[in-house]
Amino acid sequence: MSTPPSLGDVLNSILTSIVNIISAIASSIAENASVIGTIVVVGALVAAVVAFGSRTFRPLVGWLRGLF
């Protein structure tokens, strides 16, 4: 029979796995930084246009509703 792994071996394997996962996530973010930045900027612009556009066009929409 083989001997069971020690607690130190198990914890070392778990820690190594966690470090590998964090490293993979960080490298994925670094490789796609320009795409992520573009999405954030476009999302902020869309949110600003929706916020200010609804405030600007609300009277016009009300006028058109009253017309029809």
C-alpha atoms as a PDB file:
ATOM      1  CA  MET A   1       0.000   0.000   0.000  1.00  0.00           C
ATOM      2  CA  SER A   2       1.108   3.509  -0.645  1.00  0.00           C
ATOM      3  CA  THR A   3       1.334   6.096   2.079  1.00  0.00           C
ATOM      4  CA  PRO A   4      -1.228   8.912   2.119  1.00  0.00           C
ATOM      5  CA  PRO A   5       0.042  12.392   1.253  1.00  0.00           C
ATOM      6  CA  SER A   6       1.024  14.595   4.150  1.00  0.00           C
ATOM      7  CA  LEU A   7      -0.875  17.703   5.113  1.00  0.00           C
ATOM      8  CA  GLY A   8       2.020  19.858   3.900  1.00  0.00           C
ATOM      9  CA  ASP A   9       1.892  18.273   0.445  1.00  0.00           C
ATOM     10  CA  VAL A  10      -1.854  18.846   0.174  1.00  0.00           C
ATOM     11  CA  LEU A  11      -1.609  22.468   1.288  1.00  0.00           C
ATOM     12  CA  ASN A  12       1.320  23.060  -1.058  1.00  0.00           C
ATOM     13  CA  SER A  13      -0.688  21.674  -3.983  1.00  0.00           C
ATOM     14  CA  ILE A  14      -3.692  23.843  -3.109  1.00  0.00           C
ATOM     15  CA  LEU A  15      -1.527  26.961  -2.834  1.00  0.00           C
ATOM     16  CA  THR A  16       0.187  26.193  -6.142  1.00  0.00           C
ATOM     17  CA  SER A  17      -3.197  25.767  -7.836  1.00  0.00           C
ATOM     18  CA  ILE A  18      -4.466  29.085  -6.458  1.00  0.00           C
ATOM     19  CA  VAL A  19      -1.321  30.895  -7.616  1.00  0.00           C
ATOM     20  CA  ASN A  20      -1.654  29.358 -11.089  1.00  0.00           C
ATOM     21  CA  ILE A  21      -5.293  30.444 -11.348  1.00  0.00           C
ATOM     22  CA  ILE A  22      -4.505  34.013 -10.253  1.00  0.00           C
ATOM     23  CA  SER A  23      -1.607  34.135 -12.702  1.00  0.00           C
ATOM     24  CA  ALA A  24      -3.836  32.959 -15.566  1.00  0.00           C
ATOM     25  CA  ILE A  25      -6.482  35.574 -14.719  1.00  0.00           C
ATOM     26  CA  ALA A  26      -3.868  38.336 -14.537  1.00  0.00           C
ATOM     27  CA  SER A  27      -2.313  37.377 -17.866  1.00  0.00           C
ATOM     28  CA  SER A  28      -5.752  37.252 -19.517  1.00  0.00           C
ATOM     29  CA  ILE A  29      -6.559  40.725 -18.224  1.00  0.00           C
ATOM     30  CA  ALA A  30      -3.176  42.021 -19.389  1.00  0.00           C
ATOM     31  CA  GLU A  31      -3.628  40.545 -22.875  1.00  0.00           C
ATOM     32  CA  ASN A  32      -7.094  42.086 -23.232  1.00  0.00           C
ATOM     33  CA  ALA A  33      -6.473  45.413 -21.501  1.00  0.00           C
ATOM     34  CA  SER A  34      -7.209  47.492 -24.595  1.00  0.00           C
ATOM     35  CA  VAL A  35     -10.532  45.732 -25.169  1.00  0.00           C
ATOM     36  CA  ILE A  36     -11.503  46.084 -21.516  1.00  0.00           C
ATOM     37  CA  GLY A  37     -10.571  49.780 -21.562  1.00  0.00           C
ATOM     38  CA  THR A  38     -12.595  50.365 -24.714  1.00  0.00           C
ATOM     39  CA  ILE A  39     -15.641  48.666 -23.218  1.00  0.00           C
ATOM     40  CA  VAL A  40     -15.385  50.759 -20.048  1.00  0.00           C
ATOM     41  CA  VAL A  41     -15.065  54.032 -21.991  1.00  0.00           C
ATOM     42  CA  VAL A  42     -17.903  53.201 -24.403  1.00  0.00           C
ATOM     43  CA  GLY A  43     -20.111  52.115 -21.498  1.00  0.00           C
ATOM     44  CA  ALA A  44     -19.486  55.390 -19.682  1.00  0.00           C
ATOM     45  CA  LEU A  45     -20.275  57.381 -22.835  1.00  0.00           C
ATOM     46  CA  VAL A  46     -23.493  55.439 -23.409  1.00  0.00           C
ATOM     47  CA  ALA A  47     -24.549  56.001 -19.799  1.00  0.00           C
ATOM     48  CA  ALA A  48     -23.868  59.744 -20.137  1.00  0.00           C
ATOM     49  CA  VAL A  49     -25.799  59.977 -23.403  1.00  0.00           C
ATOM     50  CA  VAL A  50     -28.754  58.113 -21.911  1.00  0.00           C
ATOM     51  CA  ALA A  51     -28.779  60.285 -18.796  1.00  0.00           C
ATOM     52  CA  PHE A  52     -28.491  63.619 -20.592  1.00  0.00           C
ATOM     53  CA  GLY A  53     -30.429  62.532 -23.680  1.00  0.00           C
ATOM     54  CA  SER A  54     -33.492  61.463 -21.721  1.00  0.00           C
ATOM     55  CA  ARG A  55     -33.471  64.769 -19.873  1.00  0.00           C
ATOM     56  CA  THR A  56     -33.140  66.667 -23.159  1.00  0.00           C
ATOM     57  CA  PHE A  57     -35.713  64.761 -25.200  1.00  0.00           C
ATOM     58  CA  ARG A  58     -38.370  64.267 -22.500  1.00  0.00           C
ATOM     59  CA  PRO A  59     -40.189  67.542 -23.348  1.00  0.00           C
ATOM     60  CA  LEU A  60     -40.070  66.698 -27.060  1.00  0.00           C
ATOM     61  CA  VAL A  61     -41.536  63.238 -26.465  1.00  0.00           C
ATOM     62  CA  GLY A  62     -44.279  64.740 -24.298  1.00  0.00           C
ATOM     63  CA  TRP A  63     -45.109  67.254 -27.017  1.00  0.00           C
ATOM     64  CA  LEU A  64     -45.279  64.503 -29.648  1.00  0.00           C
ATOM     65  CA  ARG A  65     -47.550  62.400 -27.395  1.00  0.00           C
ATOM     66  CA  GLY A  66     -49.871  65.351 -26.997  1.00  0.00           C
ATOM     67  CA  LEU A  67     -49.873  65.864 -30.745  1.00  0.00           C
ATOM     68  CA  PHE A  68     -51.074  62.330 -31.460  1.00  0.00           C
END
